[in-house]
Protein backbone atom coordinates (compact mmCIF):
# COMPACT_ATOMS: atom_id res chain seq x y z
CA UNK A 1 81.13 -22.28 138.82
CA UNK A 2 84.16 -19.65 139.79
CA UNK A 3 84.42 -18.99 135.97
CA UNK A 4 81.02 -18.11 135.61
CA UNK A 5 81.39 -15.64 138.85
CA UNK A 6 84.76 -14.42 137.42
CA UNK A 7 83.08 -13.46 134.05
CA UNK A 8 80.31 -11.69 135.32
CA UNK A 9 82.24 -9.85 137.61
CA UNK A 10 84.66 -8.73 134.77
CA UNK A 11 81.84 -7.73 132.61
CA UNK A 12 80.08 -5.82 135.38
CA UNK A 13 83.48 -4.06 135.86
CA UNK A 14 83.66 -3.07 132.30
CA UNK A 15 80.19 -1.80 132.19
CA UNK A 16 80.36 0.33 135.33
CA UNK A 17 83.81 1.58 134.53
CA UNK A 18 82.78 2.71 131.00
CA UNK A 19 79.42 3.91 131.65
CA UNK A 20 79.52 5.18 135.12
CA UNK A 21 82.83 6.40 135.54
CA UNK A 22 83.65 7.25 131.95
CA UNK A 23 87.08 5.36 132.06
CA UNK A 24 88.78 4.78 128.82
CA UNK A 25 87.73 1.22 127.50
CA UNK A 26 91.57 0.03 127.18
CA UNK A 27 91.95 0.47 130.91
CA UNK A 28 88.84 -1.10 131.77
CA UNK A 29 89.32 -4.21 129.68
CA UNK A 30 92.91 -4.48 130.87
CA UNK A 31 91.75 -4.24 134.47
CA UNK A 32 88.88 -6.59 133.92
CA UNK A 33 91.27 -9.37 132.43
CA UNK A 34 93.38 -9.12 135.58
CA UNK A 35 90.66 -9.44 137.89
CA UNK A 36 89.37 -12.49 135.89
CA UNK A 37 92.86 -14.04 136.16
CA UNK A 38 93.23 -13.57 139.85
CA UNK A 39 89.61 -14.62 140.73
CA UNK A 40 89.99 -17.76 138.73
CA UNK A 41 93.32 -18.57 140.52
CA UNK A 42 95.55 -18.30 137.86
CA UNK A 43 99.40 -17.61 138.90
CA UNK A 44 101.18 -14.47 138.55
CA UNK A 45 103.35 -16.11 135.97
CA UNK A 46 100.08 -17.28 133.93
CA UNK A 47 98.46 -13.67 134.00
CA UNK A 48 101.64 -11.92 132.76
CA UNK A 49 101.95 -14.50 129.92
CA UNK A 50 98.41 -14.14 128.95
CA UNK A 51 99.13 -10.25 128.80
CA UNK A 52 101.95 -10.71 126.77
CA UNK A 53 100.60 -13.32 124.40
CA UNK A 54 97.14 -11.93 124.12
CA UNK A 55 98.18 -8.41 123.14
CA UNK A 56 101.23 -9.29 121.08
CA UNK A 57 99.87 -12.35 118.93
CA UNK A 58 96.81 -10.30 118.16
CA UNK A 59 98.45 -7.07 117.24
CA UNK A 60 100.52 -9.03 115.14
CA UNK A 61 97.65 -10.19 113.08
CA UNK A 62 95.36 -7.15 112.86
CA UNK A 63 97.11 -4.13 114.25
CA UNK A 64 98.36 -2.91 110.89
CA UNK A 65 95.23 -3.99 109.18
CA UNK A 66 93.24 -1.76 111.46
CA UNK A 67 95.70 0.97 111.03
CA UNK A 68 95.60 0.76 107.25
CA UNK A 69 91.74 0.78 107.07
CA UNK A 70 91.63 4.02 109.24
CA UNK A 71 94.05 5.90 106.94
CA UNK A 72 91.88 4.94 103.85
CA UNK A 73 88.97 6.34 105.48
CA UNK A 74 90.44 9.44 106.90
CA UNK A 75 91.93 10.16 103.42
CA UNK A 76 88.56 9.50 101.50
CA UNK A 77 86.81 11.63 103.94
CA UNK A 78 89.42 14.70 104.04
CA UNK A 79 89.99 14.74 100.36
CA UNK A 80 86.18 14.83 99.48
CA UNK A 81 86.43 11.36 97.81
CA UNK A 82 83.75 10.28 100.30
CA UNK A 83 81.34 13.00 99.31
CA UNK A 84 81.94 12.43 95.46
CA UNK A 85 81.11 8.66 95.69
CA UNK A 86 77.98 9.66 97.70
CA UNK A 87 76.77 12.53 95.19
CA UNK A 88 77.20 9.90 92.20
CA UNK A 89 75.37 7.14 94.03
CA UNK A 90 72.54 9.42 94.60
CA UNK A 91 72.50 10.60 91.00
CA UNK A 92 72.51 7.03 89.66
CA UNK A 93 69.57 6.04 91.82
CA UNK A 94 67.55 9.10 91.34
CA UNK A 95 65.71 11.69 93.57
CA UNK A 96 62.52 9.38 93.36
CA UNK A 97 64.15 6.70 95.23
CA UNK A 98 65.70 9.00 97.93
CA UNK A 99 65.53 6.70 100.77
CA UNK A 100 67.14 3.74 98.84
CA UNK A 101 69.54 6.33 97.73
CA UNK A 102 70.54 7.36 101.21
CA UNK A 103 70.48 3.83 102.71
CA UNK A 104 72.91 2.55 99.74
CA UNK A 105 75.16 5.50 100.06
CA UNK A 106 75.51 5.22 103.61
CA UNK A 107 75.78 1.45 103.26
CA UNK A 108 79.04 1.93 100.80
CA UNK A 109 80.51 5.03 102.62
CA UNK A 110 80.64 3.06 106.04
CA UNK A 111 82.79 0.29 104.79
CA UNK A 112 86.03 2.52 104.77
CA UNK A 113 84.65 5.66 106.63
CA UNK A 114 83.49 5.47 110.21
CA UNK A 115 79.38 5.80 110.66
CA UNK A 116 79.87 8.92 112.52
CA UNK A 117 81.91 10.80 110.27
CA UNK A 118 79.91 9.51 106.95
CA UNK A 119 76.82 10.93 108.52
CA UNK A 120 78.47 14.29 109.19
CA UNK A 121 79.61 14.11 105.39
CA UNK A 122 76.22 13.08 103.84
CA UNK A 123 73.88 15.28 106.35
CA UNK A 124 73.93 18.37 104.13
CA UNK A 125 73.33 16.54 100.98
CA UNK A 126 70.62 14.63 102.81
CA UNK A 127 68.92 17.66 103.86
CA UNK A 128 69.02 19.35 100.37
CA UNK A 129 67.76 16.17 98.34
CA UNK A 130 64.96 15.62 100.94
CA UNK A 131 63.81 19.31 100.45
CA UNK A 132 64.15 19.07 96.70
CA UNK A 133 62.28 15.65 96.52
CA UNK A 134 59.59 16.98 99.12
CA UNK A 135 60.15 13.67 101.24
CA UNK A 136 60.11 13.75 105.04
CA UNK A 137 63.76 14.21 106.31
CA UNK A 138 63.00 12.06 109.41
CA UNK A 139 62.77 9.01 106.94
CA UNK A 140 65.87 9.67 104.92
CA UNK A 141 67.92 10.36 108.01
CA UNK A 142 66.76 6.89 109.44
CA UNK A 143 67.54 5.43 105.94
CA UNK A 144 71.21 6.79 105.87
CA UNK A 145 72.15 6.07 109.55
CA UNK A 146 70.75 2.31 109.20
CA UNK A 147 72.45 2.05 105.94
CA UNK A 148 75.72 3.10 107.91
CA UNK A 149 75.36 0.88 110.71
CA UNK A 150 74.87 -2.11 108.60
CA UNK A 151 78.47 -2.20 107.16
CA UNK A 152 80.07 -0.54 110.27
CA UNK A 153 79.46 -3.61 112.05
CA UNK A 154 79.45 -6.19 109.62
CA UNK A 155 81.79 -5.80 106.77
CA UNK A 156 85.80 -5.33 106.95
CA UNK A 157 87.74 -3.06 106.44
CA UNK A 158 85.65 -1.42 109.14
CA UNK A 159 87.87 -1.84 112.50
CA UNK A 160 85.20 -3.69 114.63
CA UNK A 161 84.69 -6.41 112.25
CA UNK A 162 88.26 -6.68 111.45
CA UNK A 163 89.21 -6.92 114.99
CA UNK A 164 86.39 -9.48 115.82
CA UNK A 165 87.52 -11.68 112.73
CA UNK A 166 91.16 -11.49 113.94
CA UNK A 167 90.34 -12.58 117.37
CA UNK A 168 88.01 -15.49 116.39
CA UNK A 169 90.31 -16.51 113.67
CA UNK A 170 87.76 -16.04 111.02
CA UNK A 171 88.96 -15.92 107.18
CA UNK A 172 88.69 -12.12 106.34
CA UNK A 173 87.37 -12.66 102.73
CA UNK A 174 84.57 -15.10 103.93
CA UNK A 175 83.61 -12.22 106.52
CA UNK A 176 83.72 -9.63 103.85
CA UNK A 177 81.55 -11.98 101.51
CA UNK A 178 79.08 -12.97 104.04
CA UNK A 179 78.82 -9.77 105.61
CA UNK A 180 77.87 -8.16 102.43
CA UNK A 181 75.03 -10.65 102.00
CA UNK A 182 73.66 -10.54 105.36
CA UNK A 183 74.13 -6.73 105.97
CA UNK A 184 72.43 -5.87 102.60
CA UNK A 185 69.35 -8.34 103.34
CA UNK A 186 68.90 -7.26 106.86
CA UNK A 187 68.29 -3.63 105.66
CA UNK A 188 65.16 -4.58 103.81
CA UNK A 189 62.89 -4.29 106.64
CA UNK A 190 65.01 -1.06 107.66
CA UNK A 191 64.00 0.14 104.36
CA UNK A 192 60.48 -0.22 105.11
CA UNK A 193 60.73 1.03 108.60
CA UNK A 194 62.33 4.31 107.28
CA UNK A 195 60.08 4.81 104.48
CA UNK A 196 56.54 3.85 106.19
CA UNK A 197 57.22 4.59 110.09
CA UNK A 198 60.05 7.01 110.59
CA UNK A 199 59.01 9.23 107.67
CA UNK A 200 55.46 9.93 109.84
CA UNK A 201 57.68 11.75 112.50
CA UNK A 202 57.74 15.43 111.70
CA UNK A 203 61.57 16.83 111.77
CA UNK A 204 61.76 20.22 110.24
CA UNK A 205 64.67 20.68 107.91
CA UNK A 206 67.16 23.53 108.87
CA UNK A 207 69.42 24.29 105.86
CA UNK A 208 72.71 25.76 106.34
CA UNK A 209 74.93 28.11 104.18
CA UNK A 210 77.50 26.61 101.68
CA UNK A 211 80.92 26.73 102.81
CA UNK A 212 82.39 27.54 99.32
CA UNK A 213 84.27 25.52 96.94
CA UNK A 214 85.35 21.97 97.74
CA UNK A 215 87.99 19.85 95.77
CA UNK A 216 86.35 17.26 94.16
CA UNK A 217 88.67 14.21 93.23
CA UNK A 218 87.55 11.96 90.17
CA UNK A 219 85.31 9.05 91.10
CA UNK A 220 87.32 6.38 89.68
CA UNK A 221 90.26 7.22 91.93
CA UNK A 222 88.18 7.51 94.97
CA UNK A 223 86.71 4.09 94.05
CA UNK A 224 89.87 2.29 93.78
CA UNK A 225 90.96 3.04 97.33
CA UNK A 226 88.02 1.00 98.44
CA UNK A 227 87.28 -1.75 95.82
CA UNK A 228 91.00 -2.86 94.89
CA UNK A 229 91.49 -3.88 98.49
CA UNK A 230 88.11 -5.83 99.06
CA UNK A 231 88.57 -7.44 95.43
CA UNK A 232 92.27 -8.37 96.34
CA UNK A 233 91.10 -10.07 99.73
CA UNK A 234 87.95 -11.97 98.25
CA UNK A 235 90.19 -13.17 95.20
CA UNK A 236 92.49 -14.77 97.53
CA UNK A 237 89.57 -16.28 99.53
CA UNK A 238 88.53 -17.70 96.05
CA UNK A 239 91.77 -19.24 95.41
CA UNK A 240 92.09 -20.65 98.93
CA UNK A 241 88.82 -22.63 98.85
CA UNK A 242 89.81 -25.96 99.59
CA UNK A 243 87.44 -27.74 96.92
CA UNK A 244 88.52 -25.71 94.17
CA UNK A 245 92.10 -26.78 94.30
CA UNK A 246 93.71 -23.49 92.93
CA UNK A 247 96.81 -23.43 94.92
CA UNK A 248 98.62 -25.00 92.24
CA UNK A 249 97.71 -22.45 89.56
CA UNK A 250 100.96 -20.46 88.52
CA UNK A 251 99.38 -17.07 89.79
CA UNK A 252 98.53 -18.29 93.14
CA UNK A 253 101.95 -16.88 94.80
CA UNK A 254 101.16 -13.31 93.56
CA UNK A 255 97.33 -13.68 94.52
CA UNK A 256 98.47 -15.21 98.03
CA UNK A 257 100.68 -12.11 98.54
CA UNK A 258 98.61 -9.06 97.47
CA UNK A 259 95.13 -10.76 98.73
CA UNK A 260 96.98 -11.12 102.45
CA UNK A 261 94.84 -8.27 104.14
CA UNK A 262 97.61 -6.15 105.40
CA UNK A 263 98.98 -5.87 101.62
CA UNK A 264 95.81 -5.37 100.33
CA UNK A 265 94.94 -2.45 102.46
CA UNK A 266 98.46 -1.03 101.83
CA UNK A 267 97.79 -0.87 98.43
CA UNK A 268 94.22 1.05 99.25
CA UNK A 269 96.52 3.58 101.29
CA UNK A 270 98.85 3.98 98.18
CA UNK A 271 95.84 4.29 95.94
CA UNK A 272 94.11 6.77 98.24
CA UNK A 273 97.28 9.13 97.98
CA UNK A 274 96.07 9.78 94.55
CA UNK A 275 92.95 11.58 95.97
CA UNK A 276 94.59 14.89 97.61
CA UNK A 277 94.79 17.91 95.37
CA UNK A 278 98.44 18.18 96.54
CA UNK A 279 100.60 15.54 98.13
CA UNK A 280 102.28 17.58 100.88
CA UNK A 281 102.91 17.75 104.68
CA UNK A 282 98.98 18.55 105.10
CA UNK A 283 98.45 14.75 103.90
CA UNK A 284 101.61 12.91 105.04
CA UNK A 285 102.83 15.01 108.05
CA UNK A 286 102.63 14.31 111.82
CA UNK A 287 100.11 17.00 112.24
CA UNK A 288 98.45 16.31 108.92
CA UNK A 289 95.79 13.43 107.82
CA UNK A 290 98.39 10.58 108.60
CA UNK A 291 98.73 12.07 111.89
CA UNK A 292 94.82 12.34 112.27
CA UNK A 293 94.57 8.46 111.43
CA UNK A 294 97.20 7.66 113.80
CA UNK A 295 95.11 9.64 116.68
CA UNK A 296 91.83 7.68 115.27
CA UNK A 297 93.38 4.19 115.19
CA UNK A 298 95.26 4.12 118.32
CA UNK A 299 92.52 3.67 120.70
CA UNK A 300 90.97 0.99 118.60
CA UNK A 301 93.99 -0.67 118.24
CA UNK A 302 94.66 -0.42 122.03
CA UNK A 303 91.15 -1.66 122.79
CA UNK A 304 91.59 -4.64 120.49
CA UNK A 305 94.72 -5.45 122.19
CA UNK A 306 93.23 -5.28 125.67
CA UNK A 307 90.33 -7.58 124.38
CA UNK A 308 93.10 -10.02 123.02
CA UNK A 309 94.63 -9.89 126.76
CA UNK A 310 90.86 -10.80 128.13
CA UNK A 311 90.70 -13.61 125.61
CA UNK A 312 94.02 -14.97 126.45
CA UNK A 313 92.93 -15.00 130.27
CA UNK A 314 89.86 -16.71 129.47
CA UNK A 315 91.86 -19.28 127.68
CA UNK A 316 94.62 -19.89 130.18
CA UNK A 317 92.10 -20.09 132.95
CA UNK A 318 90.06 -23.31 131.46
CA UNK A 319 87.09 -21.42 130.39
CA UNK A 320 87.01 -23.24 127.15
CA UNK A 321 86.70 -26.47 128.91
CA UNK A 322 84.11 -25.59 131.29
CA UNK A 323 81.83 -24.12 128.56
CA UNK A 324 82.32 -27.50 126.39
CA UNK A 325 81.12 -29.42 129.31
CA UNK A 326 78.51 -27.00 130.36
CA UNK A 327 76.66 -26.43 126.93
CA UNK A 328 77.20 -30.02 125.79
CA UNK A 329 74.01 -31.18 124.27
CA UNK A 330 72.55 -27.75 124.13
CA UNK A 331 71.91 -25.75 120.88
CA UNK A 332 72.73 -22.13 122.11
CA UNK A 333 75.37 -21.55 119.40
CA UNK A 334 75.12 -18.27 117.80
CA UNK A 335 72.43 -17.10 120.31
CA UNK A 336 75.22 -16.32 123.05
CA UNK A 337 77.34 -13.92 121.17
CA UNK A 338 74.48 -12.04 119.76
CA UNK A 339 72.98 -11.67 123.00
CA UNK A 340 76.39 -10.75 124.62
CA UNK A 341 76.87 -8.16 122.34
CA UNK A 342 73.61 -6.77 122.28
CA UNK A 343 73.94 -6.43 126.32
CA UNK A 344 77.27 -4.70 126.05
CA UNK A 345 76.20 -2.51 123.13
CA UNK A 346 73.18 -1.40 125.27
CA UNK A 347 74.98 -0.96 128.39
CA UNK A 348 78.24 1.20 127.21
CA UNK A 349 77.36 2.55 123.63
CA UNK A 350 80.07 1.73 121.47
CA UNK A 351 79.70 -1.06 118.87
CA UNK A 352 83.20 -1.37 118.30
CA UNK A 353 83.79 -1.90 122.06
CA UNK A 354 80.90 -4.43 122.02
CA UNK A 355 82.34 -6.18 119.11
CA UNK A 356 85.94 -6.63 120.53
CA UNK A 357 84.78 -7.53 124.02
CA UNK A 358 82.49 -10.07 123.01
CA UNK A 359 84.59 -11.78 120.39
CA UNK A 360 87.36 -11.91 123.03
CA UNK A 361 85.13 -13.85 125.72
CA UNK A 362 83.52 -15.90 123.00
CA UNK A 363 86.99 -17.16 121.46
CA UNK A 364 87.87 -19.89 124.01
CA UNK A 365 84.35 -20.99 124.05
CA UNK A 366 84.01 -21.65 120.12
CA UNK A 367 84.48 -25.50 120.25
CA UNK A 368 82.11 -25.61 123.29
CA UNK A 369 79.51 -23.90 121.48
CA UNK A 370 80.21 -26.03 118.31
CA UNK A 371 81.36 -22.84 116.08
CA UNK A 372 84.56 -23.99 115.57
CA UNK A 373 84.01 -24.77 111.69
CA UNK A 374 85.57 -21.83 109.31
CA UNK A 375 81.99 -21.08 108.40
CA UNK A 376 80.72 -21.07 111.70
CA UNK A 377 83.51 -18.55 112.76
CA UNK A 378 82.34 -16.44 109.93
CA UNK A 379 78.67 -16.43 111.16
CA UNK A 380 80.03 -15.81 114.83
CA UNK A 381 81.54 -12.47 113.73
CA UNK A 382 78.56 -11.46 112.05
CA UNK A 383 76.22 -12.63 115.07
CA UNK A 384 78.19 -10.38 117.15
CA UNK A 385 78.05 -7.67 114.60
CA UNK A 386 74.23 -8.05 114.61
CA UNK A 387 74.33 -7.74 118.43
CA UNK A 388 76.45 -4.84 118.61
CA UNK A 389 73.71 -2.72 116.82
CA UNK A 390 71.09 -3.43 119.31
CA UNK A 391 70.40 -0.75 120.50
CA UNK A 392 72.04 2.73 119.78
CA UNK A 393 70.50 5.26 122.44
CA UNK A 394 71.76 8.10 124.83
CA UNK A 395 75.14 6.52 125.74
CA UNK A 396 76.43 6.01 121.80
CA UNK A 397 78.09 8.85 120.36
CA UNK A 398 76.16 7.99 116.79
CA UNK A 399 72.78 8.54 118.68
CA UNK A 400 74.08 12.35 119.54
CA UNK A 401 75.52 12.73 116.25
CA UNK A 402 72.51 11.71 114.30
CA UNK A 403 69.85 13.69 116.69
CA UNK A 404 72.03 16.91 117.03
CA UNK A 405 72.85 17.16 113.46
CA UNK A 406 69.09 16.47 112.19
CA UNK A 407 67.59 18.54 115.02
CA UNK A 408 65.80 15.80 116.62
CA UNK A 409 65.09 15.80 120.20
CA UNK A 410 65.87 12.72 122.57
CA UNK A 411 62.18 11.13 121.88
CA UNK A 412 62.28 11.40 118.37
CA UNK A 413 66.03 10.02 118.37
CA UNK A 414 64.54 6.65 120.31
CA UNK A 415 61.52 6.68 118.10
CA UNK A 416 63.56 6.44 114.94
CA UNK A 417 67.32 5.57 115.35
CA UNK A 418 66.95 3.45 118.64
CA UNK A 419 64.15 1.58 116.95
CA UNK A 420 65.75 1.23 113.71
CA UNK A 421 69.08 -0.03 115.21
CA UNK A 422 66.80 -2.88 117.11
CA UNK A 423 65.11 -3.83 113.62
CA UNK A 424 68.58 -4.07 111.96
CA UNK A 425 70.04 -6.22 114.73
CA UNK A 426 67.10 -8.67 115.10
CA UNK A 427 66.95 -8.88 111.06
CA UNK A 428 70.63 -9.62 110.94
CA UNK A 429 70.63 -12.25 113.41
CA UNK A 430 67.41 -13.88 111.99
CA UNK A 431 69.14 -14.29 108.64
CA UNK A 432 72.26 -15.59 110.08
CA UNK A 433 70.18 -18.51 111.91
CA UNK A 434 68.41 -19.30 108.60
CA UNK A 435 71.62 -19.41 106.51
CA UNK A 436 73.37 -21.86 109.11
CA UNK A 437 70.13 -24.11 108.97
CA UNK A 438 70.06 -24.18 105.29
CA UNK A 439 73.82 -24.68 104.74
CA UNK A 440 74.20 -27.26 107.56
């Protein structure tokens, strides 16, 4: 029983610290882990060992992966590559299908670029196309935002899913493949919501003046930085699939090296350096784009490390054995990670924090929940991602980016964005349950 009390108190500390006192999530997670350790009776030596092992081992696995993913996204955003990809997608789909175009554009952009930044990049184009096509701006904005959210929480190399996969030991290529499948299908009801429901809410379009000429890199170069790392990682997953026996193939050592996530994303970084008009200190300097990437990635990496400490503390305390005994014979499975992520998302706002914290808490419980199989580890990452969309409201920075850029008030934001994220999360977890029932 002491484990449950300690876990509840730790989660309350996380929520109150972040929401009420606005303390940085790293320090709150770190403090919650220490508190949990002392409440459960761990010795000082055990606590210190959990701190060192939890932070160090996790950073060794995914620290560079997160950083390289952020670098790719930052260069795509600042070089104009992201805008070029977005414009081409819209041209391919056509103005008649503006809702679908916005949703798919957001879906692909949010794989390398943070959802907040991608919405800012896309907003002017969204306004112009909505006005030209004479469709409701509220509906296209909802489609764009939900497309962004879907890959933001379920498809690496976005930092949240990468961190969750690393914490749970899920194979990254599998998370990418299943994440693309689940996130895309879960957008079907979101598309209907954006077109049929959100579009009925009137939001006037306030056009902005043009900011002058912007550098436009070539589309194929912009796509290389995204597509090549994903292809390399997924290819390695195919070669590693045990039933296919491809490890004996002569090209396997090359595939194994290039498909390792840190090498694949490093390749993406190198390819992204082809995008800037001029490669100088503005790009690679400490105060340039590389420096910006460090500032963006550092909090995420630290929060992930603190989550690793929390997970190690739970593991050392004996929580895994307690959960295994308590849930024996119960079919709670993926429901626990989904609900826990949903509670944390709703309470403190950040999807990334919800993903990392939930993964850290659930990691020692995987065996007891019957989720230790490789496929179930992947589905657990996706279930946590689904939960971390439910729901975006006034304590989420993306909610305010969405409402302020579109000119919506809080009520309209709740009617459109908050309701949309609820539909996205519920659709995703329903699909995940269906997939696991069909496969098992």
